Amino acid sequence: MVAPPFRDGVWPVNNVATSVTVAGEDPIISGMAGRYATALFELALDNKAVDSVKKDLDQFDALVSESADLNRLVRSPAFDADEQLNALSAVLAKADIKGLAANFLKVITANRRLFAVRDMIRAFRALVAQHKGEVTAQVTVAEKLNDNNLEALKSALKSVTGGKDIDLDVKIDPTIIGGLIVKVGSRMVDSSLRTKLNSIKIAMKEAR
C-alpha cells in the first residue's frame, strides 16, 4: 500500500503532521520540490537510510533520463494518478527499488506531483551533499559518461573546491554544444578547468 500522502511541505509520521523547514539560502532546495525533498531527507536521516535512499533515487532518475516512455509517464498530464501509480509500481519492482524511496515515489504520484520528481531528486542530492560537507556540481553532458570519465571529472572539480568531495548531478542533453557543461554552486567552471574538461571530452569521443 502507498504511504499516507503528505501535503506540500508536511509529512505525517505516526499520524502526527510534522512541519518541514527548508533552507532559504539554496535555490535548489526551495519551493514545492524542496519541501518534499526535505521531508524525505529528514525521514531518511531518522532511519539511517540516507545513502540507500539516494542510491535508489539516483537509479530512478537515470531510468527517467534514459527512457522516453518513462519520461513521458512522469511528465505527461494525460495519465491519471492510478495509471501513473500502476505503471510506476511495475518500474520500481523491475528496478528493485524498495523502502523509503519507493514509498516516496508512490506518495508523490498519488499527490499528483510526479512531474516534479527530478527537481525533488536534485534537491535531495543537495541536502545530502550539505549534510556530508560535499559540493554538488551540476553537469550536463551530450551523452552518458562512463565510470572513468566520472572519476576524472570529480578529480578535476576538486581543484576548484579546496579538495572537497564532489557529488555529481548529471543530466543528459544531446542538444548541447561542446558536449559538456559544468556548474558548481552558482557559477560556471572557470578557465582553470578548461584544459582538464577538454581532455575529458576527448576521452568521451574516443570511448564511443
N, C-alpha and C. Protein backbone atom coordinates (compact mmCIF):
# COMPACT_ATOMS: atom_id res chain seq x y z
N MET A 1 0.84 -1.20 0.00
CA MET A 1 0.00 0.00 0.00
C MET A 1 0.87 1.25 0.00
N VAL A 2 0.34 2.31 -0.55
CA VAL A 2 1.05 3.58 -0.58
C VAL A 2 0.95 4.25 0.79
N ALA A 3 2.06 4.84 1.21
CA ALA A 3 2.04 5.56 2.49
C ALA A 3 1.06 6.71 2.43
N PRO A 4 0.49 7.09 3.56
CA PRO A 4 -0.47 8.21 3.56
C PRO A 4 0.13 9.44 2.94
N PRO A 5 -0.57 10.08 2.01
CA PRO A 5 0.00 11.25 1.34
C PRO A 5 0.22 12.41 2.29
N PHE A 6 1.28 13.18 2.01
CA PHE A 6 1.51 14.37 2.82
C PHE A 6 1.27 15.60 1.96
N ARG A 7 0.82 16.65 2.58
CA ARG A 7 0.62 17.91 1.87
C ARG A 7 1.97 18.51 1.55
N ASP A 8 2.01 19.47 0.66
CA ASP A 8 3.27 20.10 0.30
C ASP A 8 3.96 20.66 1.54
N GLY A 9 5.11 20.07 1.87
CA GLY A 9 5.88 20.56 2.99
C GLY A 9 5.57 19.88 4.31
N VAL A 10 4.64 18.90 4.33
CA VAL A 10 4.30 18.23 5.59
C VAL A 10 4.23 16.73 5.37
N TRP A 11 4.93 15.99 6.18
CA TRP A 11 4.92 14.53 6.11
C TRP A 11 4.33 13.99 7.39
N PRO A 12 3.20 13.25 7.33
CA PRO A 12 2.66 12.68 8.54
C PRO A 12 3.47 11.47 9.00
N VAL A 13 4.05 11.53 10.18
CA VAL A 13 4.81 10.43 10.74
C VAL A 13 4.07 9.95 11.98
N ASN A 14 3.72 8.66 11.97
CA ASN A 14 2.93 8.11 13.08
C ASN A 14 1.67 8.94 13.34
N ASN A 15 1.04 9.35 12.23
CA ASN A 15 -0.21 10.11 12.27
C ASN A 15 -0.07 11.50 12.87
N VAL A 16 1.17 11.97 13.08
CA VAL A 16 1.38 13.32 13.59
C VAL A 16 2.03 14.14 12.49
N ALA A 17 1.38 15.22 12.07
CA ALA A 17 1.92 16.05 10.99
C ALA A 17 3.13 16.82 11.50
N THR A 18 4.26 16.65 10.81
CA THR A 18 5.49 17.31 11.19
C THR A 18 5.84 18.35 10.14
N SER A 19 5.90 19.61 10.52
CA SER A 19 6.23 20.65 9.55
C SER A 19 7.70 20.59 9.20
N VAL A 20 8.02 21.03 7.98
CA VAL A 20 9.38 20.95 7.47
C VAL A 20 9.93 22.34 7.26
N THR A 21 11.13 22.60 7.73
CA THR A 21 11.80 23.87 7.49
C THR A 21 12.76 23.70 6.34
N VAL A 22 12.68 24.58 5.35
CA VAL A 22 13.52 24.48 4.17
C VAL A 22 14.58 25.57 4.23
N ALA A 23 15.83 25.19 3.96
CA ALA A 23 16.91 26.17 3.96
C ALA A 23 16.67 27.20 2.87
N GLY A 24 16.70 28.47 3.25
CA GLY A 24 16.38 29.53 2.30
C GLY A 24 17.53 29.94 1.41
N GLU A 25 18.77 29.58 1.78
CA GLU A 25 19.91 30.09 1.03
C GLU A 25 20.07 29.40 -0.32
N ASP A 26 19.68 28.16 -0.44
CA ASP A 26 19.95 27.39 -1.64
C ASP A 26 18.71 27.31 -2.51
N PRO A 27 18.72 27.91 -3.71
CA PRO A 27 17.54 27.88 -4.57
C PRO A 27 17.16 26.48 -5.02
N ILE A 28 18.13 25.54 -5.01
CA ILE A 28 17.85 24.17 -5.41
C ILE A 28 16.88 23.52 -4.43
N ILE A 29 16.91 23.96 -3.16
CA ILE A 29 16.12 23.31 -2.12
C ILE A 29 14.90 24.16 -1.76
N SER A 30 14.51 25.06 -2.61
CA SER A 30 13.37 25.92 -2.33
C SER A 30 12.13 25.42 -3.05
N GLY A 31 10.99 26.01 -2.72
CA GLY A 31 9.76 25.69 -3.41
C GLY A 31 9.19 24.33 -3.04
N MET A 32 8.19 23.92 -3.83
CA MET A 32 7.49 22.66 -3.56
C MET A 32 8.44 21.47 -3.61
N ALA A 33 9.30 21.40 -4.62
CA ALA A 33 10.23 20.28 -4.75
C ALA A 33 11.16 20.22 -3.54
N GLY A 34 11.61 21.38 -3.06
CA GLY A 34 12.48 21.42 -1.91
C GLY A 34 11.80 20.94 -0.64
N ARG A 35 10.52 21.25 -0.49
CA ARG A 35 9.79 20.82 0.71
C ARG A 35 9.65 19.30 0.73
N TYR A 36 9.30 18.71 -0.41
CA TYR A 36 9.19 17.25 -0.47
C TYR A 36 10.55 16.60 -0.21
N ALA A 37 11.60 17.14 -0.84
CA ALA A 37 12.94 16.58 -0.68
C ALA A 37 13.39 16.67 0.77
N THR A 38 13.10 17.79 1.43
CA THR A 38 13.50 17.98 2.82
C THR A 38 12.76 17.00 3.73
N ALA A 39 11.48 16.80 3.45
CA ALA A 39 10.71 15.84 4.24
C ALA A 39 11.30 14.44 4.12
N LEU A 40 11.63 14.05 2.89
CA LEU A 40 12.22 12.73 2.68
C LEU A 40 13.60 12.64 3.34
N PHE A 41 14.40 13.69 3.20
CA PHE A 41 15.74 13.67 3.78
C PHE A 41 15.68 13.50 5.30
N GLU A 42 14.79 14.24 5.96
CA GLU A 42 14.69 14.14 7.41
C GLU A 42 14.25 12.75 7.85
N LEU A 43 13.32 12.17 7.08
CA LEU A 43 12.87 10.82 7.40
C LEU A 43 13.99 9.80 7.16
N ALA A 44 14.72 9.97 6.06
CA ALA A 44 15.84 9.07 5.76
C ALA A 44 16.93 9.19 6.82
N LEU A 45 17.16 10.42 7.29
CA LEU A 45 18.16 10.65 8.33
C LEU A 45 17.75 9.95 9.62
N ASP A 46 16.49 10.07 9.98
CA ASP A 46 15.98 9.42 11.19
C ASP A 46 16.12 7.90 11.11
N ASN A 47 15.98 7.37 9.89
CA ASN A 47 16.02 5.91 9.70
C ASN A 47 17.42 5.42 9.29
N LYS A 48 18.40 6.34 9.33
CA LYS A 48 19.78 5.99 8.94
C LYS A 48 19.80 5.33 7.55
N ALA A 49 19.05 5.94 6.64
CA ALA A 49 18.92 5.36 5.31
C ALA A 49 19.23 6.37 4.20
N VAL A 50 19.98 7.42 4.53
CA VAL A 50 20.25 8.47 3.56
C VAL A 50 20.94 7.92 2.32
N ASP A 51 21.98 7.13 2.51
CA ASP A 51 22.75 6.62 1.36
C ASP A 51 21.92 5.68 0.49
N SER A 52 21.15 4.80 1.13
CA SER A 52 20.35 3.85 0.35
C SER A 52 19.23 4.56 -0.41
N VAL A 53 18.63 5.57 0.21
CA VAL A 53 17.58 6.33 -0.46
C VAL A 53 18.17 7.10 -1.65
N LYS A 54 19.31 7.72 -1.43
CA LYS A 54 19.96 8.45 -2.53
C LYS A 54 20.30 7.52 -3.69
N LYS A 55 20.81 6.35 -3.36
CA LYS A 55 21.15 5.38 -4.41
C LYS A 55 19.92 5.00 -5.23
N ASP A 56 18.80 4.75 -4.54
CA ASP A 56 17.57 4.37 -5.23
C ASP A 56 17.03 5.53 -6.08
N LEU A 57 17.08 6.75 -5.54
CA LEU A 57 16.60 7.91 -6.29
C LEU A 57 17.49 8.18 -7.50
N ASP A 58 18.79 8.02 -7.33
CA ASP A 58 19.71 8.20 -8.46
C ASP A 58 19.40 7.18 -9.56
N GLN A 59 19.11 5.96 -9.14
CA GLN A 59 18.78 4.92 -10.11
C GLN A 59 17.49 5.27 -10.87
N PHE A 60 16.49 5.74 -10.14
CA PHE A 60 15.23 6.11 -10.78
C PHE A 60 15.44 7.30 -11.72
N ASP A 61 16.22 8.27 -11.29
CA ASP A 61 16.49 9.44 -12.12
C ASP A 61 17.18 9.02 -13.42
N ALA A 62 18.10 8.08 -13.33
CA ALA A 62 18.79 7.59 -14.52
C ALA A 62 17.81 6.88 -15.45
N LEU A 63 16.88 6.13 -14.89
CA LEU A 63 15.88 5.45 -15.70
C LEU A 63 15.02 6.46 -16.47
N VAL A 64 14.61 7.52 -15.79
CA VAL A 64 13.80 8.56 -16.44
C VAL A 64 14.60 9.22 -17.56
N SER A 65 15.87 9.46 -17.29
CA SER A 65 16.73 10.11 -18.27
C SER A 65 16.92 9.26 -19.52
N GLU A 66 16.97 7.95 -19.33
CA GLU A 66 17.30 7.05 -20.43
C GLU A 66 16.08 6.52 -21.16
N SER A 67 14.89 6.64 -20.59
CA SER A 67 13.68 6.07 -21.19
C SER A 67 12.69 7.16 -21.57
N ALA A 68 12.42 7.28 -22.87
CA ALA A 68 11.45 8.28 -23.33
C ALA A 68 10.05 7.95 -22.81
N ASP A 69 9.73 6.65 -22.73
CA ASP A 69 8.41 6.24 -22.25
C ASP A 69 8.22 6.59 -20.78
N LEU A 70 9.24 6.33 -19.97
CA LEU A 70 9.13 6.65 -18.55
C LEU A 70 9.11 8.16 -18.34
N ASN A 71 9.89 8.88 -19.11
CA ASN A 71 9.89 10.35 -19.01
C ASN A 71 8.51 10.90 -19.35
N ARG A 72 7.86 10.31 -20.35
CA ARG A 72 6.51 10.74 -20.73
C ARG A 72 5.52 10.42 -19.62
N LEU A 73 5.66 9.25 -19.01
CA LEU A 73 4.77 8.87 -17.90
C LEU A 73 4.90 9.87 -16.75
N VAL A 74 6.13 10.27 -16.46
CA VAL A 74 6.40 11.19 -15.36
C VAL A 74 5.84 12.58 -15.63
N ARG A 75 5.99 13.06 -16.86
CA ARG A 75 5.71 14.46 -17.15
C ARG A 75 4.33 14.73 -17.76
N SER A 76 3.73 13.74 -18.40
CA SER A 76 2.50 14.00 -19.14
C SER A 76 1.28 14.06 -18.23
N PRO A 77 0.46 15.12 -18.36
CA PRO A 77 -0.78 15.22 -17.58
C PRO A 77 -1.88 14.32 -18.13
N ALA A 78 -1.60 13.63 -19.23
CA ALA A 78 -2.61 12.77 -19.84
C ALA A 78 -2.90 11.53 -18.99
N PHE A 79 -1.95 11.14 -18.13
CA PHE A 79 -2.13 9.97 -17.26
C PHE A 79 -2.73 10.41 -15.93
N ASP A 80 -3.75 9.66 -15.47
CA ASP A 80 -4.28 9.99 -14.15
C ASP A 80 -3.41 9.31 -13.08
N ALA A 81 -3.70 9.60 -11.82
CA ALA A 81 -2.86 9.12 -10.72
C ALA A 81 -2.81 7.59 -10.66
N ASP A 82 -3.96 6.94 -10.90
CA ASP A 82 -3.98 5.48 -10.85
C ASP A 82 -3.13 4.86 -11.96
N GLU A 83 -3.22 5.43 -13.16
CA GLU A 83 -2.42 4.93 -14.28
C GLU A 83 -0.93 5.10 -13.99
N GLN A 84 -0.58 6.28 -13.48
CA GLN A 84 0.82 6.53 -13.15
C GLN A 84 1.30 5.58 -12.05
N LEU A 85 0.46 5.39 -11.05
CA LEU A 85 0.85 4.56 -9.91
C LEU A 85 1.05 3.10 -10.33
N ASN A 86 0.15 2.59 -11.17
CA ASN A 86 0.28 1.21 -11.64
C ASN A 86 1.55 1.01 -12.45
N ALA A 87 1.80 1.95 -13.37
CA ALA A 87 3.00 1.85 -14.20
C ALA A 87 4.26 2.04 -13.36
N LEU A 88 4.22 3.00 -12.44
CA LEU A 88 5.37 3.26 -11.59
C LEU A 88 5.70 2.05 -10.73
N SER A 89 4.69 1.42 -10.17
CA SER A 89 4.90 0.25 -9.32
C SER A 89 5.62 -0.86 -10.08
N ALA A 90 5.26 -1.03 -11.35
CA ALA A 90 5.91 -2.04 -12.18
C ALA A 90 7.38 -1.68 -12.42
N VAL A 91 7.64 -0.41 -12.67
CA VAL A 91 9.01 0.05 -12.89
C VAL A 91 9.85 -0.15 -11.64
N LEU A 92 9.31 0.21 -10.48
CA LEU A 92 10.05 0.09 -9.23
C LEU A 92 10.34 -1.37 -8.91
N ALA A 93 9.38 -2.24 -9.17
CA ALA A 93 9.58 -3.67 -8.90
C ALA A 93 10.68 -4.23 -9.80
N LYS A 94 10.65 -3.85 -11.07
CA LYS A 94 11.67 -4.33 -12.02
C LYS A 94 13.05 -3.83 -11.66
N ALA A 95 13.13 -2.58 -11.18
CA ALA A 95 14.42 -1.98 -10.82
C ALA A 95 14.84 -2.34 -9.40
N ASP A 96 13.99 -3.06 -8.66
CA ASP A 96 14.26 -3.45 -7.28
C ASP A 96 14.47 -2.24 -6.38
N ILE A 97 13.66 -1.20 -6.61
CA ILE A 97 13.68 -0.01 -5.75
C ILE A 97 12.60 -0.19 -4.69
N LYS A 98 13.02 -0.21 -3.42
CA LYS A 98 12.10 -0.51 -2.33
C LYS A 98 12.21 0.54 -1.22
N GLY A 99 11.55 0.25 -0.11
CA GLY A 99 11.71 1.05 1.10
C GLY A 99 11.26 2.48 0.97
N LEU A 100 11.98 3.38 1.63
CA LEU A 100 11.58 4.78 1.70
C LEU A 100 11.51 5.42 0.32
N ALA A 101 12.48 5.13 -0.53
CA ALA A 101 12.49 5.74 -1.86
C ALA A 101 11.26 5.34 -2.65
N ALA A 102 10.91 4.06 -2.62
CA ALA A 102 9.73 3.58 -3.35
C ALA A 102 8.46 4.21 -2.78
N ASN A 103 8.35 4.25 -1.45
CA ASN A 103 7.17 4.85 -0.83
C ASN A 103 7.05 6.33 -1.19
N PHE A 104 8.19 7.01 -1.18
CA PHE A 104 8.20 8.43 -1.53
C PHE A 104 7.69 8.64 -2.96
N LEU A 105 8.21 7.86 -3.90
CA LEU A 105 7.80 7.99 -5.30
C LEU A 105 6.31 7.69 -5.48
N LYS A 106 5.80 6.74 -4.71
CA LYS A 106 4.37 6.42 -4.79
C LYS A 106 3.52 7.53 -4.17
N VAL A 107 4.02 8.12 -3.10
CA VAL A 107 3.29 9.20 -2.44
C VAL A 107 3.17 10.41 -3.36
N ILE A 108 4.28 10.81 -3.99
CA ILE A 108 4.21 11.99 -4.86
C ILE A 108 3.37 11.71 -6.10
N THR A 109 3.31 10.45 -6.49
CA THR A 109 2.42 10.08 -7.60
C THR A 109 0.97 10.24 -7.19
N ALA A 110 0.63 9.73 -6.01
CA ALA A 110 -0.74 9.86 -5.51
C ALA A 110 -1.12 11.31 -5.31
N ASN A 111 -0.14 12.14 -4.99
CA ASN A 111 -0.40 13.57 -4.77
C ASN A 111 -0.32 14.40 -6.04
N ARG A 112 -0.16 13.71 -7.18
CA ARG A 112 -0.08 14.38 -8.49
C ARG A 112 1.11 15.34 -8.55
N ARG A 113 2.23 14.90 -8.00
CA ARG A 113 3.45 15.70 -8.01
C ARG A 113 4.59 14.98 -8.73
N LEU A 114 4.29 13.89 -9.42
CA LEU A 114 5.34 13.11 -10.06
C LEU A 114 6.07 13.93 -11.13
N PHE A 115 5.40 14.90 -11.73
CA PHE A 115 6.02 15.72 -12.76
C PHE A 115 7.26 16.46 -12.25
N ALA A 116 7.33 16.68 -10.94
CA ALA A 116 8.46 17.41 -10.35
C ALA A 116 9.49 16.50 -9.71
N VAL A 117 9.43 15.20 -10.00
CA VAL A 117 10.28 14.25 -9.29
C VAL A 117 11.77 14.51 -9.51
N ARG A 118 12.16 14.93 -10.70
CA ARG A 118 13.59 15.14 -10.95
C ARG A 118 14.11 16.36 -10.19
N ASP A 119 13.27 17.37 -10.04
CA ASP A 119 13.65 18.52 -9.21
C ASP A 119 13.76 18.11 -7.74
N MET A 120 12.86 17.22 -7.31
CA MET A 120 12.92 16.73 -5.93
C MET A 120 14.20 15.93 -5.70
N ILE A 121 14.55 15.10 -6.66
CA ILE A 121 15.77 14.29 -6.54
C ILE A 121 17.00 15.20 -6.51
N ARG A 122 16.99 16.23 -7.33
CA ARG A 122 18.11 17.18 -7.35
C ARG A 122 18.23 17.89 -5.98
N ALA A 123 17.10 18.26 -5.41
CA ALA A 123 17.11 18.92 -4.10
C ALA A 123 17.57 17.95 -3.02
N PHE A 124 17.16 16.69 -3.11
CA PHE A 124 17.59 15.68 -2.14
C PHE A 124 19.10 15.50 -2.21
N ARG A 125 19.65 15.46 -3.43
CA ARG A 125 21.11 15.34 -3.58
C ARG A 125 21.81 16.52 -2.90
N ALA A 126 21.26 17.73 -3.09
CA ALA A 126 21.87 18.92 -2.49
C ALA A 126 21.86 18.83 -0.97
N LEU A 127 20.77 18.32 -0.40
CA LEU A 127 20.68 18.17 1.05
C LEU A 127 21.69 17.15 1.56
N VAL A 128 21.84 16.04 0.83
CA VAL A 128 22.83 15.03 1.22
C VAL A 128 24.24 15.62 1.15
N ALA A 129 24.50 16.37 0.09
CA ALA A 129 25.83 16.98 -0.06
C ALA A 129 26.12 17.95 1.09
N GLN A 130 25.13 18.76 1.45
CA GLN A 130 25.29 19.68 2.58
C GLN A 130 25.58 18.91 3.86
N HIS A 131 24.83 17.84 4.07
CA HIS A 131 24.97 17.04 5.27
C HIS A 131 26.37 16.43 5.37
N LYS A 132 26.94 16.03 4.24
CA LYS A 132 28.24 15.37 4.22
C LYS A 132 29.40 16.33 4.00
N GLY A 133 29.09 17.62 3.84
CA GLY A 133 30.14 18.58 3.58
C GLY A 133 30.71 18.47 2.18
N GLU A 134 29.90 17.96 1.26
CA GLU A 134 30.31 17.83 -0.13
C GLU A 134 29.87 19.06 -0.93
N VAL A 135 30.40 19.16 -2.13
CA VAL A 135 29.98 20.20 -3.07
C VAL A 135 29.23 19.51 -4.21
N THR A 136 28.05 20.02 -4.53
CA THR A 136 27.29 19.46 -5.64
C THR A 136 27.63 20.20 -6.92
N ALA A 137 28.01 19.45 -7.94
CA ALA A 137 28.29 20.02 -9.25
C ALA A 137 27.23 19.55 -10.23
N GLN A 138 26.57 20.50 -10.88
CA GLN A 138 25.58 20.17 -11.89
C GLN A 138 26.27 20.01 -13.23
N VAL A 139 26.16 18.84 -13.80
CA VAL A 139 26.87 18.51 -15.04
C VAL A 139 25.84 18.15 -16.11
N THR A 140 25.95 18.81 -17.25
CA THR A 140 25.10 18.47 -18.40
C THR A 140 26.01 17.93 -19.49
N VAL A 141 25.72 16.74 -19.96
CA VAL A 141 26.55 16.10 -20.98
C VAL A 141 25.68 15.70 -22.17
N ALA A 142 26.31 15.60 -23.32
CA ALA A 142 25.59 15.22 -24.54
C ALA A 142 25.28 13.73 -24.56
N GLU A 143 26.09 12.96 -23.85
CA GLU A 143 25.87 11.52 -23.78
C GLU A 143 26.37 11.01 -22.44
N LYS A 144 25.98 9.80 -22.09
CA LYS A 144 26.28 9.25 -20.78
C LYS A 144 27.78 9.10 -20.59
N LEU A 145 28.28 9.48 -19.40
CA LEU A 145 29.69 9.33 -19.05
C LEU A 145 29.95 7.95 -18.47
N ASN A 146 31.09 7.36 -18.83
CA ASN A 146 31.45 6.10 -18.19
C ASN A 146 32.09 6.37 -16.84
N ASP A 147 32.36 5.32 -16.08
CA ASP A 147 32.87 5.48 -14.71
C ASP A 147 34.21 6.21 -14.69
N ASN A 148 35.09 5.91 -15.65
CA ASN A 148 36.41 6.56 -15.69
C ASN A 148 36.27 8.06 -15.90
N ASN A 149 35.38 8.46 -16.81
CA ASN A 149 35.17 9.88 -17.07
C ASN A 149 34.54 10.59 -15.88
N LEU A 150 33.64 9.90 -15.19
CA LEU A 150 33.03 10.49 -13.99
C LEU A 150 34.08 10.75 -12.92
N GLU A 151 34.97 9.78 -12.71
CA GLU A 151 36.02 9.95 -11.71
C GLU A 151 36.99 11.05 -12.11
N ALA A 152 37.30 11.13 -13.42
CA ALA A 152 38.20 12.19 -13.90
C ALA A 152 37.57 13.56 -13.70
N LEU A 153 36.26 13.65 -13.91
CA LEU A 153 35.56 14.91 -13.73
C LEU A 153 35.55 15.32 -12.26
N LYS A 154 35.28 14.36 -11.37
CA LYS A 154 35.31 14.65 -9.93
C LYS A 154 36.69 15.15 -9.51
N SER A 155 37.74 14.50 -10.02
CA SER A 155 39.10 14.88 -9.68
C SER A 155 39.40 16.29 -10.16
N ALA A 156 38.96 16.62 -11.38
CA ALA A 156 39.20 17.95 -11.92
C ALA A 156 38.49 19.02 -11.10
N LEU A 157 37.26 18.73 -10.68
CA LEU A 157 36.49 19.71 -9.93
C LEU A 157 37.02 19.94 -8.52
N LYS A 158 37.68 18.94 -7.96
CA LYS A 158 38.25 19.10 -6.62
C LYS A 158 39.26 20.25 -6.58
N SER A 159 39.88 20.53 -7.73
CA SER A 159 40.91 21.56 -7.75
C SER A 159 40.34 22.96 -7.54
N VAL A 160 39.02 23.13 -7.72
CA VAL A 160 38.42 24.46 -7.52
C VAL A 160 37.50 24.49 -6.30
N THR A 161 37.49 23.41 -5.53
CA THR A 161 36.63 23.37 -4.34
C THR A 161 37.43 23.14 -3.07
N GLY A 162 38.73 23.37 -3.14
CA GLY A 162 39.56 23.19 -1.96
C GLY A 162 39.69 21.75 -1.54
N GLY A 163 39.55 20.83 -2.48
CA GLY A 163 39.71 19.42 -2.18
C GLY A 163 38.49 18.75 -1.59
N LYS A 164 37.35 19.46 -1.58
CA LYS A 164 36.13 18.86 -1.04
C LYS A 164 35.62 17.74 -1.94
N ASP A 165 34.95 16.77 -1.34
CA ASP A 165 34.35 15.71 -2.13
C ASP A 165 33.26 16.29 -3.03
N ILE A 166 33.13 15.71 -4.21
CA ILE A 166 32.19 16.21 -5.21
C ILE A 166 31.05 15.21 -5.39
N ASP A 167 29.83 15.72 -5.34
CA ASP A 167 28.66 14.92 -5.70
C ASP A 167 28.16 15.43 -7.04
N LEU A 168 28.17 14.57 -8.05
CA LEU A 168 27.78 14.98 -9.39
C LEU A 168 26.29 14.80 -9.62
N ASP A 169 25.66 15.85 -10.09
CA ASP A 169 24.26 15.82 -10.52
C ASP A 169 24.28 15.87 -12.05
N VAL A 170 24.18 14.71 -12.67
CA VAL A 170 24.41 14.60 -14.12
C VAL A 170 23.09 14.55 -14.88
N LYS A 171 22.98 15.40 -15.90
CA LYS A 171 21.84 15.39 -16.81
C LYS A 171 22.36 15.16 -18.22
N ILE A 172 21.60 14.42 -19.00
CA ILE A 172 21.97 14.15 -20.39
C ILE A 172 21.11 14.99 -21.31
N ASP A 173 21.75 15.77 -22.18
CA ASP A 173 21.06 16.61 -23.15
C ASP A 173 21.82 16.54 -24.47
N PRO A 174 21.37 15.71 -25.39
CA PRO A 174 22.10 15.52 -26.66
C PRO A 174 22.22 16.79 -27.49
N THR A 175 21.45 17.83 -27.16
CA THR A 175 21.44 19.04 -27.99
C THR A 175 22.52 20.05 -27.60
N ILE A 176 23.20 19.83 -26.48
CA ILE A 176 24.15 20.85 -26.04
C ILE A 176 25.36 20.90 -26.96
N ILE A 177 25.90 22.10 -27.12
CA ILE A 177 27.08 22.31 -27.95
C ILE A 177 28.32 22.16 -27.09
N GLY A 178 29.27 21.37 -27.56
CA GLY A 178 30.51 21.20 -26.81
C GLY A 178 30.54 19.91 -26.01
N GLY A 179 29.38 19.33 -25.76
CA GLY A 179 29.35 18.02 -25.13
C GLY A 179 29.40 18.00 -23.62
N LEU A 180 29.75 19.13 -22.97
CA LEU A 180 29.91 19.10 -21.51
C LEU A 180 29.76 20.50 -20.93
N ILE A 181 28.82 20.66 -19.98
CA ILE A 181 28.63 21.93 -19.27
C ILE A 181 28.67 21.62 -17.78
N VAL A 182 29.47 22.36 -17.03
CA VAL A 182 29.62 22.11 -15.61
C VAL A 182 29.35 23.39 -14.82
N LYS A 183 28.52 23.26 -13.78
CA LYS A 183 28.21 24.38 -12.91
C LYS A 183 28.42 23.94 -11.47
N VAL A 184 29.22 24.68 -10.74
CA VAL A 184 29.48 24.38 -9.33
C VAL A 184 28.87 25.50 -8.50
N GLY A 185 27.90 25.15 -7.67
CA GLY A 185 27.21 26.18 -6.91
C GLY A 185 26.46 27.09 -7.85
N SER A 186 26.73 28.38 -7.76
CA SER A 186 26.02 29.35 -8.59
C SER A 186 26.84 29.81 -9.78
N ARG A 187 28.01 29.21 -10.02
CA ARG A 187 28.83 29.70 -11.12
C ARG A 187 29.26 28.57 -12.05
N MET A 188 29.52 28.95 -13.28
CA MET A 188 30.06 28.01 -14.26
C MET A 188 31.55 27.83 -13.94
N VAL A 189 32.11 26.71 -14.41
CA VAL A 189 33.53 26.47 -14.15
C VAL A 189 34.37 27.55 -14.84
N ASP A 190 35.48 27.90 -14.22
CA ASP A 190 36.32 28.96 -14.78
C ASP A 190 37.38 28.38 -15.72
N SER A 191 38.21 29.27 -16.26
CA SER A 191 39.16 28.86 -17.29
C SER A 191 40.21 27.87 -16.78
N SER A 192 40.44 27.83 -15.45
CA SER A 192 41.45 26.92 -14.91
C SER A 192 41.09 25.46 -15.11
N LEU A 193 39.81 25.21 -15.39
CA LEU A 193 39.37 23.83 -15.60
C LEU A 193 39.24 23.47 -17.08
N ARG A 194 39.37 24.43 -17.96
CA ARG A 194 39.09 24.18 -19.37
C ARG A 194 39.93 23.04 -19.94
N THR A 195 41.22 23.06 -19.66
CA THR A 195 42.10 22.04 -20.23
C THR A 195 41.71 20.65 -19.75
N LYS A 196 41.44 20.53 -18.44
CA LYS A 196 41.06 19.23 -17.89
C LYS A 196 39.73 18.76 -18.46
N LEU A 197 38.77 19.67 -18.58
CA LEU A 197 37.46 19.29 -19.11
C LEU A 197 37.57 18.93 -20.58
N ASN A 198 38.41 19.63 -21.32
CA ASN A 198 38.58 19.30 -22.73
C ASN A 198 39.16 17.90 -22.90
N SER A 199 40.08 17.52 -22.01
CA SER A 199 40.65 16.17 -22.10
C SER A 199 39.59 15.11 -21.82
N ILE A 200 38.65 15.44 -20.92
CA ILE A 200 37.57 14.50 -20.62
C ILE A 200 36.64 14.38 -21.83
N LYS A 201 36.37 15.51 -22.48
CA LYS A 201 35.51 15.47 -23.68
C LYS A 201 36.15 14.65 -24.78
N ILE A 202 37.47 14.77 -24.93
CA ILE A 202 38.16 13.97 -25.94
C ILE A 202 38.05 12.49 -25.59
N ALA A 203 38.21 12.17 -24.31
CA ALA A 203 38.09 10.78 -23.88
C ALA A 203 36.70 10.23 -24.13
N MET A 204 35.67 11.11 -23.95
CA MET A 204 34.29 10.69 -24.21
C MET A 204 34.13 10.30 -25.67
N LYS A 205 34.72 11.10 -26.58
CA LYS A 205 34.61 10.81 -28.01
C LYS A 205 35.33 9.52 -28.38
N GLU A 206 36.51 9.32 -27.76
CA GLU A 206 37.30 8.13 -28.09
C GLU A 206 36.64 6.86 -27.56
N ALA A 207 35.80 7.00 -26.54
CA ALA A 207 35.16 5.83 -25.93
C ALA A 207 33.95 5.33 -26.72
N ARG A 208 33.55 6.06 -27.74
CA ARG A 208 32.36 5.66 -28.50
C ARG A 208 32.59 4.34 -29.23
